[in-house]
Protein backbone atom coordinates (compact mmCIF):
# COMPACT_ATOMS: atom_id res chain seq x y z
CA UNK A 1 99.29 43.74 55.41
CA UNK A 2 98.56 47.30 56.38
CA UNK A 3 99.65 50.40 54.47
CA UNK A 4 101.37 53.49 55.84
CA UNK A 5 100.87 57.02 54.54
CA UNK A 6 102.71 59.95 56.10
CA UNK A 7 101.79 63.60 55.92
CA UNK A 8 102.85 66.77 57.70
CA UNK A 9 101.62 70.31 58.15
CA UNK A 10 102.35 73.34 60.30
CA UNK A 11 100.72 73.39 63.70
CA UNK A 12 98.19 75.98 64.82
CA UNK A 13 99.39 79.49 65.51
CA UNK A 14 100.21 78.55 69.10
CA UNK A 15 102.57 75.83 67.80
CA UNK A 16 104.29 76.86 64.61
CA UNK A 17 106.38 73.70 64.32
CA UNK A 18 105.59 71.13 61.62
CA UNK A 19 103.73 68.02 62.84
CA UNK A 20 103.83 64.52 61.38
CA UNK A 21 100.62 62.61 60.67
CA UNK A 22 100.73 58.82 60.38
CA UNK A 23 97.85 57.16 58.52
CA UNK A 24 97.55 53.39 58.94
CA UNK A 25 95.09 51.86 56.47
CA UNK A 26 93.68 55.34 55.88
CA UNK A 27 93.08 56.12 59.57
CA UNK A 28 94.90 58.84 61.50
CA UNK A 29 96.89 56.67 63.89
CA UNK A 30 97.92 59.46 66.29
CA UNK A 31 94.47 61.04 66.65
CA UNK A 32 92.81 57.64 67.11
CA UNK A 33 95.41 56.72 69.74
CA UNK A 34 95.19 60.03 71.62
CA UNK A 35 93.11 62.92 70.29
CA UNK A 36 95.12 65.42 72.36
CA UNK A 37 98.55 64.30 71.18
CA UNK A 38 100.54 66.14 68.52
CA UNK A 39 102.70 64.25 66.00
CA UNK A 40 106.43 64.69 66.29
CA UNK A 41 108.53 66.80 63.95
CA UNK A 42 109.29 65.03 60.62
CA UNK A 43 113.02 65.76 60.87
CA UNK A 44 113.11 63.71 64.07
CA UNK A 45 110.66 60.89 63.27
CA UNK A 46 111.58 60.29 59.63
CA UNK A 47 115.33 60.89 59.53
CA UNK A 48 117.46 57.99 58.23
CA UNK A 49 117.99 55.60 61.13
CA UNK A 50 115.37 57.49 63.14
CA UNK A 51 112.82 56.01 65.55
CA UNK A 52 110.47 54.67 62.85
CA UNK A 53 113.21 52.75 61.03
CA UNK A 54 112.81 49.08 61.90
CA UNK A 55 115.51 46.86 63.33
CA UNK A 56 115.45 43.22 64.39
CA UNK A 57 115.76 44.44 67.95
CA UNK A 58 112.36 45.87 68.94
CA UNK A 59 112.40 49.47 70.12
CA UNK A 60 109.84 51.94 71.36
CA UNK A 61 109.33 55.08 69.29
CA UNK A 62 107.66 58.21 70.65
CA UNK A 63 105.61 59.37 67.61
CA UNK A 64 103.54 62.07 69.30
CA UNK A 65 103.92 64.37 72.24
CA UNK A 66 101.43 65.54 74.80
CA UNK A 67 99.48 68.59 73.70
CA UNK A 68 100.92 71.55 75.63
CA UNK A 69 97.41 72.92 76.28
CA UNK A 70 96.33 69.79 78.18
CA UNK A 71 97.93 68.38 81.29
CA UNK A 72 95.88 65.18 81.26
CA UNK A 73 97.04 63.67 77.99
CA UNK A 74 100.18 61.75 77.18
CA UNK A 75 102.07 61.15 73.98
CA UNK A 76 101.77 58.18 71.65
CA UNK A 77 104.34 55.41 71.49
CA UNK A 78 104.68 52.46 69.16
CA UNK A 79 106.93 49.42 69.40
CA UNK A 80 108.72 48.91 66.05
CA UNK A 81 110.32 45.64 65.01
CA UNK A 82 111.56 44.06 61.79
CA UNK A 83 110.82 40.40 61.18
CA UNK A 84 112.03 39.23 57.77
CA UNK A 85 110.35 41.50 55.18
CA UNK A 86 107.66 42.64 57.62
CA UNK A 87 107.63 45.70 59.87
CA UNK A 88 105.54 45.18 62.99
CA UNK A 89 104.04 47.93 65.12
CA UNK A 90 102.85 46.52 68.43
CA UNK A 91 101.68 47.65 71.88
CA UNK A 92 98.91 49.63 70.17
CA UNK A 93 95.44 50.40 71.52
CA UNK A 94 93.33 52.39 69.07
CA UNK A 95 89.94 51.81 67.42
CA UNK A 96 90.14 50.48 63.87
CA UNK A 97 87.68 51.18 61.06
CA UNK A 98 85.33 48.58 62.53
CA UNK A 99 85.74 50.11 66.04
CA UNK A 100 87.55 46.96 67.22
CA UNK A 101 90.76 47.59 69.17
CA UNK A 102 93.89 47.39 67.02
CA UNK A 103 96.81 46.02 69.02
CA UNK A 104 99.27 45.29 66.19
CA UNK A 105 99.76 46.21 62.55
CA UNK A 106 102.12 44.73 59.96
CA UNK A 107 103.61 46.49 56.96
CA UNK A 108 105.48 45.23 53.92
CA UNK A 109 109.07 46.38 54.42
CA UNK A 110 109.51 47.90 50.94
CA UNK A 111 106.26 49.93 51.08
CA UNK A 112 107.03 51.07 54.62
CA UNK A 113 110.58 52.24 53.88
CA UNK A 114 109.57 53.90 50.61
CA UNK A 115 106.88 55.89 52.42
CA UNK A 116 109.22 57.00 55.21
CA UNK A 117 111.82 58.08 52.64
CA UNK A 118 109.24 59.92 50.53
CA UNK A 119 107.89 61.76 53.55
CA UNK A 120 111.36 62.62 54.83
CA UNK A 121 112.31 64.21 51.51
CA UNK A 122 109.00 66.10 51.40
CA UNK A 123 109.07 67.51 54.93
CA UNK A 124 111.88 66.32 57.18
CA UNK A 125 114.89 67.20 55.07
CA UNK A 126 113.61 70.65 54.09
CA UNK A 127 113.24 71.47 57.77
CA UNK A 128 116.91 70.62 58.20
CA UNK A 129 117.99 72.75 55.25
CA UNK A 130 118.96 69.81 53.02
CA UNK A 131 119.34 70.95 49.42
CA UNK A 132 117.81 68.65 46.80
CA UNK A 133 120.18 68.53 43.84
CA UNK A 134 118.03 66.42 41.53
CA UNK A 135 115.38 67.89 39.26
CA UNK A 136 113.79 64.45 38.83
CA UNK A 137 111.99 64.55 42.17
CA UNK A 138 112.76 63.89 45.80
CA UNK A 139 113.55 60.19 45.43
CA UNK A 140 115.69 60.46 42.31
């Protein structure tokens, strides 16, 4: 099983919006898929029921957009599907740590959902003006 880690940060001065970074097994998935693509906004990608939430019906999620400064690059898409307790990302084409092409990754459902929720409460919800009422942390 692979692991997912999500991060976000403001874009360069030309793009002040917050960008989402998706790390699969420690590798920057978006940059490895398309070095000129920019991760989507966390409030869109990570929102409850959003494009990264898995369903039994496979769906395509746009996780990164074309860099506005380049007309020759495209965004990054991933096909997301739930099978039992496994989340499957397919239709991939990026170099893994061993430089072999990665076409599919599988995540444990509980780790995957916990990471999306954690990241949403760190970046996505604050961008939407959601007020955190708990002093015990974002997942309390």
